[in-house]
Amino acid sequence: DIDGTLLNTRDAVHYHAFHSAMQRVYGCENR
């Protein structure tokens, strides 16, 4: 596995990409 097994990320790149795309594509504001 990657996250929590090989490494931990100390940034919000994946997090922000997820939420911005979900808002644009689905109009979804949930977190």
PDB file of all heavy atoms in Angstrom:
ATOM      1  N   ASP A   1       0.867  -1.172   0.000  1.00  0.00           N
ATOM      2  CA  ASP A   1       0.000   0.000   0.000  1.00  0.00           C
ATOM      3  C   ASP A   1       0.911   1.232   0.000  1.00  0.00           C
ATOM      4  O   ASP A   1       2.105   1.130   0.327  1.00  0.00           O
ATOM      5  CB  ASP A   1      -0.890  -0.028   1.251  1.00  0.00           C
ATOM      6  CG  ASP A   1      -1.709   1.227   1.418  1.00  0.00           C
ATOM      7  OD1 ASP A   1      -2.423   1.596   0.465  1.00  0.00           O
ATOM      8  OD2 ASP A   1      -1.617   1.855   2.486  1.00  0.00           O
ATOM      9  N   ILE A   2       0.364   2.381  -0.363  1.00  0.00           N
ATOM     10  CA  ILE A   2       1.191   3.599  -0.405  1.00  0.00           C
ATOM     11  C   ILE A   2       0.986   4.447   0.843  1.00  0.00           C
ATOM     12  O   ILE A   2       1.868   4.550   1.690  1.00  0.00           O
ATOM     13  CB  ILE A   2       0.899   4.422  -1.686  1.00  0.00           C
ATOM     14  CG1 ILE A   2       1.340   3.644  -2.935  1.00  0.00           C
ATOM     15  CG2 ILE A   2       1.634   5.775  -1.622  1.00  0.00           C
ATOM     16  CD1 ILE A   2       1.074   4.356  -4.245  1.00  0.00           C
ATOM     17  N   ASP A   3      -0.176   5.081   0.978  1.00  0.00           N
ATOM     18  CA  ASP A   3      -0.400   6.045   2.060  1.00  0.00           C
ATOM     19  C   ASP A   3      -0.447   5.352   3.414  1.00  0.00           C
ATOM     20  O   ASP A   3      -1.254   4.447   3.641  1.00  0.00           O
ATOM     21  CB  ASP A   3      -1.702   6.811   1.823  1.00  0.00           C
ATOM     22  CG  ASP A   3      -1.660   7.656   0.564  1.00  0.00           C
ATOM     23  OD1 ASP A   3      -0.764   8.503   0.466  1.00  0.00           O
ATOM     24  OD2 ASP A   3      -2.508   7.456  -0.325  1.00  0.00           O
ATOM     25  N   GLY A   4       0.416   5.779   4.314  1.00  0.00           N
ATOM     26  CA  GLY A   4       0.459   5.205   5.652  1.00  0.00           C
ATOM     27  C   GLY A   4       1.330   3.970   5.755  1.00  0.00           C
ATOM     28  O   GLY A   4       1.636   3.533   6.865  1.00  0.00           O
ATOM     29  N   THR A   5       1.733   3.410   4.616  1.00  0.00           N
ATOM     30  CA  THR A   5       2.579   2.207   4.611  1.00  0.00           C
ATOM     31  C   THR A   5       3.972   2.537   4.094  1.00  0.00           C
ATOM     32  O   THR A   5       4.963   2.327   4.782  1.00  0.00           O
ATOM     33  CB  THR A   5       1.944   1.100   3.741  1.00  0.00           C
ATOM     34  OG1 THR A   5       0.659   0.759   4.250  1.00  0.00           O
ATOM     35  CG2 THR A   5       2.830  -0.142   3.717  1.00  0.00           C
ATOM     36  N   LEU A   6       4.045   3.031   2.866  1.00  0.00           N
ATOM     37  CA  LEU A   6       5.329   3.464   2.309  1.00  0.00           C
ATOM     38  C   LEU A   6       5.662   4.889   2.729  1.00  0.00           C
ATOM     39  O   LEU A   6       6.823   5.214   2.990  1.00  0.00           O
ATOM     40  CB  LEU A   6       5.296   3.385   0.789  1.00  0.00           C
ATOM     41  CG  LEU A   6       5.308   1.988   0.169  1.00  0.00           C
ATOM     42  CD1 LEU A   6       5.043   2.070  -1.326  1.00  0.00           C
ATOM     43  CD2 LEU A   6       6.630   1.279   0.436  1.00  0.00           C
ATOM     44  N   LEU A   7       4.637   5.742   2.779  1.00  0.00           N
ATOM     45  CA  LEU A   7       4.889   7.163   3.005  1.00  0.00           C
ATOM     46  C   LEU A   7       3.653   7.845   3.564  1.00  0.00           C
ATOM     47  O   LEU A   7       2.554   7.287   3.548  1.00  0.00           O
ATOM     48  CB  LEU A   7       5.309   7.831   1.692  1.00  0.00           C
ATOM     49  CG  LEU A   7       4.335   7.710   0.501  1.00  0.00           C
ATOM     50  CD1 LEU A   7       3.221   8.779   0.525  1.00  0.00           C
ATOM     51  CD2 LEU A   7       5.082   7.789  -0.811  1.00  0.00           C
ATOM     52  N   ASN A   8       3.859   9.035   4.047  1.00  0.00           N
ATOM     53  CA  ASN A   8       2.769   9.947   4.402  1.00  0.00           C
ATOM     54  C   ASN A   8       3.029  11.277   3.710  1.00  0.00           C
ATOM     55  O   ASN A   8       4.172  11.747   3.672  1.00  0.00           O
ATOM     56  CB  ASN A   8       2.688  10.146   5.920  1.00  0.00           C
ATOM     57  CG  ASN A   8       2.139   8.920   6.622  1.00  0.00           C
ATOM     58  OD1 ASN A   8       0.966   8.579   6.489  1.00  0.00           O
ATOM     59  ND2 ASN A   8       2.994   8.227   7.370  1.00  0.00           N
ATOM     60  N   THR A   9       2.004  11.856   3.115  1.00  0.00           N
ATOM     61  CA  THR A   9       2.174  13.143   2.444  1.00  0.00           C
ATOM     62  C   THR A   9       1.922  14.279   3.429  1.00  0.00           C
ATOM     63  O   THR A   9       1.009  14.199   4.262  1.00  0.00           O
ATOM     64  CB  THR A   9       1.237  13.279   1.237  1.00  0.00           C
ATOM     65  OG1 THR A   9      -0.106  12.976   1.632  1.00  0.00           O
ATOM     66  CG2 THR A   9       1.656  12.318   0.133  1.00  0.00           C
ATOM     67  N   ARG A  10       2.745  15.321   3.312  1.00  0.00           N
ATOM     68  CA  ARG A  10       2.652  16.480   4.204  1.00  0.00           C
ATOM     69  C   ARG A  10       2.246  17.718   3.412  1.00  0.00           C
ATOM     70  O   ARG A  10       2.798  18.800   3.575  1.00  0.00           O
ATOM     71  CB  ARG A  10       3.997  16.712   4.899  1.00  0.00           C
ATOM     72  CG  ARG A  10       4.553  15.501   5.640  1.00  0.00           C
ATOM     73  CD  ARG A  10       3.589  14.939   6.670  1.00  0.00           C
ATOM     74  NE  ARG A  10       4.182  13.840   7.429  1.00  0.00           N
ATOM     75  CZ  ARG A  10       3.497  13.070   8.262  1.00  0.00           C
ATOM     76  NH1 ARG A  10       2.193  13.266   8.433  1.00  0.00           N
ATOM     77  NH2 ARG A  10       4.101  12.098   8.914  1.00  0.00           N
ATOM     78  N   ASP A  11       1.272  17.550   2.535  1.00  0.00           N
ATOM     79  CA  ASP A  11       0.799  18.645   1.695  1.00  0.00           C
ATOM     80  C   ASP A  11      -0.697  18.432   1.465  1.00  0.00           C
ATOM     81  O   ASP A  11      -1.278  17.472   1.962  1.00  0.00           O
ATOM     82  CB  ASP A  11       1.547  18.651   0.357  1.00  0.00           C
ATOM     83  CG  ASP A  11       1.317  17.361  -0.414  1.00  0.00           C
ATOM     84  OD1 ASP A  11       0.257  17.244  -1.073  1.00  0.00           O
ATOM     85  OD2 ASP A  11       2.169  16.451  -0.347  1.00  0.00           O
ATOM     86  N   ALA A  12      -1.303  19.317   0.700  1.00  0.00           N
ATOM     87  CA  ALA A  12      -2.734  19.204   0.426  1.00  0.00           C
ATOM     88  C   ALA A  12      -3.022  19.141  -1.065  1.00  0.00           C
ATOM     89  O   ALA A  12      -4.130  19.460  -1.509  1.00  0.00           O
ATOM     90  CB  ALA A  12      -3.475  20.388   1.051  1.00  0.00           C
ATOM     91  N   VAL A  13      -2.044  18.720  -1.873  1.00  0.00           N
ATOM     92  CA  VAL A  13      -2.225  18.688  -3.321  1.00  0.00           C
ATOM     93  C   VAL A  13      -3.360  17.752  -3.720  1.00  0.00           C
ATOM     94  O   VAL A  13      -4.273  18.140  -4.466  1.00  0.00           O
ATOM     95  CB  VAL A  13      -0.907  18.287  -4.023  1.00  0.00           C
ATOM     96  CG1 VAL A  13      -1.142  18.067  -5.514  1.00  0.00           C
ATOM     97  CG2 VAL A  13       0.154  19.352  -3.814  1.00  0.00           C
ATOM     98  N   HIS A  14      -3.320  16.516  -3.259  1.00  0.00           N
ATOM     99  CA  HIS A  14      -4.361  15.533  -3.584  1.00  0.00           C
ATOM    100  C   HIS A  14      -5.713  15.996  -3.038  1.00  0.00           C
ATOM    101  O   HIS A  14      -6.744  15.936  -3.724  1.00  0.00           O
ATOM    102  CB  HIS A  14      -3.955  14.184  -2.975  1.00  0.00           C
ATOM    103  CG  HIS A  14      -4.793  13.023  -3.396  1.00  0.00           C
ATOM    104  ND1 HIS A  14      -4.593  11.742  -2.907  1.00  0.00           N
ATOM    105  CD2 HIS A  14      -5.841  12.912  -4.246  1.00  0.00           C
ATOM    106  CE1 HIS A  14      -5.463  10.918  -3.450  1.00  0.00           C
ATOM    107  NE2 HIS A  14      -6.242  11.602  -4.249  1.00  0.00           N
ATOM    108  N   TYR A  15      -5.716  16.475  -1.828  1.00  0.00           N
ATOM    109  CA  TYR A  15      -6.933  16.933  -1.142  1.00  0.00           C
ATOM    110  C   TYR A  15      -7.607  18.063  -1.930  1.00  0.00           C
ATOM    111  O   TYR A  15      -8.816  18.005  -2.212  1.00  0.00           O
ATOM    112  CB  TYR A  15      -6.545  17.408   0.253  1.00  0.00           C
ATOM    113  CG  TYR A  15      -7.669  17.930   1.111  1.00  0.00           C
ATOM    114  CD1 TYR A  15      -8.413  17.070   1.908  1.00  0.00           C
ATOM    115  CD2 TYR A  15      -7.951  19.296   1.160  1.00  0.00           C
ATOM    116  CE1 TYR A  15      -9.431  17.558   2.723  1.00  0.00           C
ATOM    117  CE2 TYR A  15      -8.963  19.783   1.970  1.00  0.00           C
ATOM    118  CZ  TYR A  15      -9.704  18.916   2.744  1.00  0.00           C
ATOM    119  OH  TYR A  15     -10.702  19.391   3.536  1.00  0.00           O
ATOM    120  N   HIS A  16      -6.859  19.073  -2.299  1.00  0.00           N
ATOM    121  CA  HIS A  16      -7.446  20.208  -3.011  1.00  0.00           C
ATOM    122  C   HIS A  16      -7.892  19.811  -4.428  1.00  0.00           C
ATOM    123  O   HIS A  16      -8.933  20.277  -4.913  1.00  0.00           O
ATOM    124  CB  HIS A  16      -6.462  21.375  -3.076  1.00  0.00           C
ATOM    125  CG  HIS A  16      -6.250  22.048  -1.760  1.00  0.00           C
ATOM    126  ND1 HIS A  16      -7.288  22.370  -0.900  1.00  0.00           N
ATOM    127  CD2 HIS A  16      -5.102  22.467  -1.136  1.00  0.00           C
ATOM    128  CE1 HIS A  16      -6.803  22.952   0.180  1.00  0.00           C
ATOM    129  NE2 HIS A  16      -5.485  23.021   0.061  1.00  0.00           N
ATOM    130  N   ALA A  17      -7.105  18.961  -5.088  1.00  0.00           N
ATOM    131  CA  ALA A  17      -7.488  18.508  -6.426  1.00  0.00           C
ATOM    132  C   ALA A  17      -8.811  17.750  -6.378  1.00  0.00           C
ATOM    133  O   ALA A  17      -9.678  17.926  -7.245  1.00  0.00           O
ATOM    134  CB  ALA A  17      -6.392  17.631  -7.015  1.00  0.00           C
ATOM    135  N   PHE A  18      -8.953  16.912  -5.375  1.00  0.00           N
ATOM    136  CA  PHE A  18     -10.193  16.142  -5.206  1.00  0.00           C
ATOM    137  C   PHE A  18     -11.391  17.074  -5.075  1.00  0.00           C
ATOM    138  O   PHE A  18     -12.382  16.954  -5.806  1.00  0.00           O
ATOM    139  CB  PHE A  18     -10.058  15.248  -3.971  1.00  0.00           C
ATOM    140  CG  PHE A  18     -11.268  14.394  -3.680  1.00  0.00           C
ATOM    141  CD1 PHE A  18     -11.336  13.088  -4.131  1.00  0.00           C
ATOM    142  CD2 PHE A  18     -12.340  14.900  -2.951  1.00  0.00           C
ATOM    143  CE1 PHE A  18     -12.446  12.301  -3.863  1.00  0.00           C
ATOM    144  CE2 PHE A  18     -13.452  14.125  -2.677  1.00  0.00           C
ATOM    145  CZ  PHE A  18     -13.509  12.814  -3.139  1.00  0.00           C
ATOM    146  N   HIS A  19     -11.319  18.008  -4.151  1.00  0.00           N
ATOM    147  CA  HIS A  19     -12.489  18.842  -3.872  1.00  0.00           C
ATOM    148  C   HIS A  19     -12.804  19.804  -5.009  1.00  0.00           C
ATOM    149  O   HIS A  19     -13.980  20.021  -5.328  1.00  0.00           O
ATOM    150  CB  HIS A  19     -12.288  19.612  -2.562  1.00  0.00           C
ATOM    151  CG  HIS A  19     -12.415  18.746  -1.355  1.00  0.00           C
ATOM    152  ND1 HIS A  19     -11.362  18.463  -0.527  1.00  0.00           N
ATOM    153  CD2 HIS A  19     -13.480  18.063  -0.852  1.00  0.00           C
ATOM    154  CE1 HIS A  19     -11.767  17.668   0.439  1.00  0.00           C
ATOM    155  NE2 HIS A  19     -13.042  17.409   0.263  1.00  0.00           N
ATOM    156  N   SER A  20     -11.787  20.370  -5.640  1.00  0.00           N
ATOM    157  CA  SER A  20     -12.074  21.306  -6.718  1.00  0.00           C
ATOM    158  C   SER A  20     -12.700  20.578  -7.915  1.00  0.00           C
ATOM    159  O   SER A  20     -13.639  21.091  -8.543  1.00  0.00           O
ATOM    160  CB  SER A  20     -10.801  22.046  -7.142  1.00  0.00           C
ATOM    161  OG  SER A  20      -9.812  21.148  -7.614  1.00  0.00           O
ATOM    162  N   ALA A  21     -12.220  19.378  -8.222  1.00  0.00           N
ATOM    163  CA  ALA A  21     -12.800  18.617  -9.333  1.00  0.00           C
ATOM    164  C   ALA A  21     -14.214  18.166  -9.008  1.00  0.00           C
ATOM    165  O   ALA A  21     -15.109  18.193  -9.874  1.00  0.00           O
ATOM    166  CB  ALA A  21     -11.918  17.417  -9.664  1.00  0.00           C
ATOM    167  N   MET A  22     -14.456  17.734  -7.788  1.00  0.00           N
ATOM    168  CA  MET A  22     -15.796  17.286  -7.401  1.00  0.00           C
ATOM    169  C   MET A  22     -16.800  18.436  -7.487  1.00  0.00           C
ATOM    170  O   MET A  22     -17.959  18.252  -7.880  1.00  0.00           O
ATOM    171  CB  MET A  22     -15.760  16.719  -5.984  1.00  0.00           C
ATOM    172  CG  MET A  22     -14.968  15.430  -5.860  1.00  0.00           C
ATOM    173  SD  MET A  22     -15.797  13.989  -6.568  1.00  0.00           S
ATOM    174  CE  MET A  22     -16.929  13.600  -5.254  1.00  0.00           C
ATOM    175  N   GLN A  23     -16.342  19.631  -7.144  1.00  0.00           N
ATOM    176  CA  GLN A  23     -17.236  20.781  -7.220  1.00  0.00           C
ATOM    177  C   GLN A  23     -17.537  21.139  -8.672  1.00  0.00           C
ATOM    178  O   GLN A  23     -18.685  21.394  -9.038  1.00  0.00           O
ATOM    179  CB  GLN A  23     -16.594  21.973  -6.490  1.00  0.00           C
ATOM    180  CG  GLN A  23     -17.567  23.093  -6.137  1.00  0.00           C
ATOM    181  CD  GLN A  23     -17.916  23.971  -7.330  1.00  0.00           C
ATOM    182  OE1 GLN A  23     -17.069  24.195  -8.203  1.00  0.00           O
ATOM    183  NE2 GLN A  23     -19.142  24.458  -7.369  1.00  0.00           N
ATOM    184  N   ARG A  24     -16.514  21.119  -9.524  1.00  0.00           N
ATOM    185  CA  ARG A  24     -16.710  21.481 -10.925  1.00  0.00           C
ATOM    186  C   ARG A  24     -17.570  20.456 -11.672  1.00  0.00           C
ATOM    187  O   ARG A  24     -18.445  20.822 -12.450  1.00  0.00           O
ATOM    188  CB  ARG A  24     -15.358  21.609 -11.635  1.00  0.00           C
ATOM    189  CG  ARG A  24     -14.541  22.812 -11.240  1.00  0.00           C
ATOM    190  CD  ARG A  24     -13.389  23.041 -12.212  1.00  0.00           C
ATOM    191  NE  ARG A  24     -12.505  21.888 -12.312  1.00  0.00           N
ATOM    192  CZ  ARG A  24     -11.462  21.680 -11.525  1.00  0.00           C
ATOM    193  NH1 ARG A  24     -11.171  22.544 -10.571  1.00  0.00           N
ATOM    194  NH2 ARG A  24     -10.686  20.607 -11.698  1.00  0.00           N
ATOM    195  N   VAL A  25     -17.322  19.192 -11.437  1.00  0.00           N
ATOM    196  CA  VAL A  25     -17.972  18.141 -12.223  1.00  0.00           C
ATOM    197  C   VAL A  25     -19.347  17.799 -11.682  1.00  0.00           C
ATOM    198  O   VAL A  25     -20.313  17.626 -12.449  1.00  0.00           O
ATOM    199  CB  VAL A  25     -17.083  16.884 -12.276  1.00  0.00           C
ATOM    200  CG1 VAL A  25     -17.797  15.744 -13.007  1.00  0.00           C
ATOM    201  CG2 VAL A  25     -15.759  17.201 -12.967  1.00  0.00           C
ATOM    202  N   TYR A  26     -19.473  17.676 -10.372  1.00  0.00           N
ATOM    203  CA  TYR A  26     -20.746  17.246  -9.774  1.00  0.00           C
ATOM    204  C   TYR A  26     -21.490  18.382  -9.052  1.00  0.00           C
ATOM    205  O   TYR A  26     -22.619  18.174  -8.597  1.00  0.00           O
ATOM    206  CB  TYR A  26     -20.502  16.132  -8.756  1.00  0.00           C
ATOM    207  CG  TYR A  26     -20.029  14.828  -9.354  1.00  0.00           C
ATOM    208  CD1 TYR A  26     -18.735  14.369  -9.122  1.00  0.00           C
ATOM    209  CD2 TYR A  26     -20.874  14.035 -10.130  1.00  0.00           C
ATOM    210  CE1 TYR A  26     -18.293  13.161  -9.656  1.00  0.00           C
ATOM    211  CE2 TYR A  26     -20.443  12.827 -10.664  1.00  0.00           C
ATOM    212  CZ  TYR A  26     -19.156  12.396 -10.428  1.00  0.00           C
ATOM    213  OH  TYR A  26     -18.725  11.202 -10.955  1.00  0.00           O
ATOM    214  N   GLY A  27     -20.854  19.549  -8.911  1.00  0.00           N
ATOM    215  CA  GLY A  27     -21.460  20.607  -8.111  1.00  0.00           C
ATOM    216  C   GLY A  27     -21.531  20.223  -6.647  1.00  0.00           C
ATOM    217  O   GLY A  27     -22.397  20.688  -5.915  1.00  0.00           O
ATOM    218  N   CYS A  28     -20.591  19.393  -6.206  1.00  0.00           N
ATOM    219  CA  CYS A  28     -20.612  18.801  -4.869  1.00  0.00           C
ATOM    220  C   CYS A  28     -19.758  19.606  -3.914  1.00  0.00           C
ATOM    221  O   CYS A  28     -18.546  19.762  -4.132  1.00  0.00           O
ATOM    222  CB  CYS A  28     -20.115  17.354  -4.955  1.00  0.00           C
ATOM    223  SG  CYS A  28     -20.047  16.531  -3.368  1.00  0.00           S
ATOM    224  N   GLU A  29     -20.358  20.106  -2.840  1.00  0.00           N
ATOM    225  CA  GLU A  29     -19.631  20.886  -1.841  1.00  0.00           C
ATOM    226  C   GLU A  29     -19.263  20.061  -0.612  1.00  0.00           C
ATOM    227  O   GLU A  29     -18.587  20.559   0.286  1.00  0.00           O
ATOM    228  CB  GLU A  29     -20.483  22.089  -1.400  1.00  0.00           C
ATOM    229  CG  GLU A  29     -20.854  23.041  -2.523  1.00  0.00           C
ATOM    230  CD  GLU A  29     -19.663  23.848  -3.041  1.00  0.00           C
ATOM    231  OE1 GLU A  29     -18.592  23.810  -2.382  1.00  0.00           O
ATOM    232  OE2 GLU A  29     -19.797  24.507  -4.086  1.00  0.00           O
ATOM    233  N   ASN A  30     -19.703  18.822  -0.548  1.00  0.00           N
ATOM    234  CA  ASN A  30     -19.386  17.972   0.606  1.00  0.00           C
ATOM    235  C   ASN A  30     -17.890  17.669   0.635  1.00  0.00           C
ATOM    236  O   ASN A  30     -17.217  17.699  -0.380  1.00  0.00           O
ATOM    237  CB  ASN A  30     -20.189  16.678   0.553  1.00  0.00           C
ATOM    238  CG  ASN A  30     -21.674  16.922   0.710  1.00  0.00           C
ATOM    239  OD1 ASN A  30     -22.343  17.319  -0.233  1.00  0.00           O
ATOM    240  ND2 ASN A  30     -22.183  16.697   1.896  1.00  0.00           N
ATOM    241  N   ARG A  31     -17.383  17.360   1.840  1.00  0.00           N
ATOM    242  CA  ARG A  31     -15.954  17.159   2.044  1.00  0.00           C
ATOM    243  C   ARG A  31     -15.646  15.708   2.388  1.00  0.00           C
ATOM    244  O   ARG A  31     -16.485  14.985   2.917  1.00  0.00           O
ATOM    245  CB  ARG A  31     -15.451  18.063   3.175  1.00  0.00           C
ATOM    246  CG  ARG A  31     -15.962  19.493   3.132  1.00  0.00           C
ATOM    247  CD  ARG A  31     -15.495  20.223   1.887  1.00  0.00           C
ATOM    248  NE  ARG A  31     -14.076  20.574   1.967  1.00  0.00           N
ATOM    249  CZ  ARG A  31     -13.435  21.216   0.986  1.00  0.00           C
ATOM    250  NH1 ARG A  31     -14.066  21.559  -0.135  1.00  0.00           N
ATOM    251  NH2 ARG A  31     -12.159  21.509   1.119  1.00  0.00           N
TER     252      ARG A  31
END
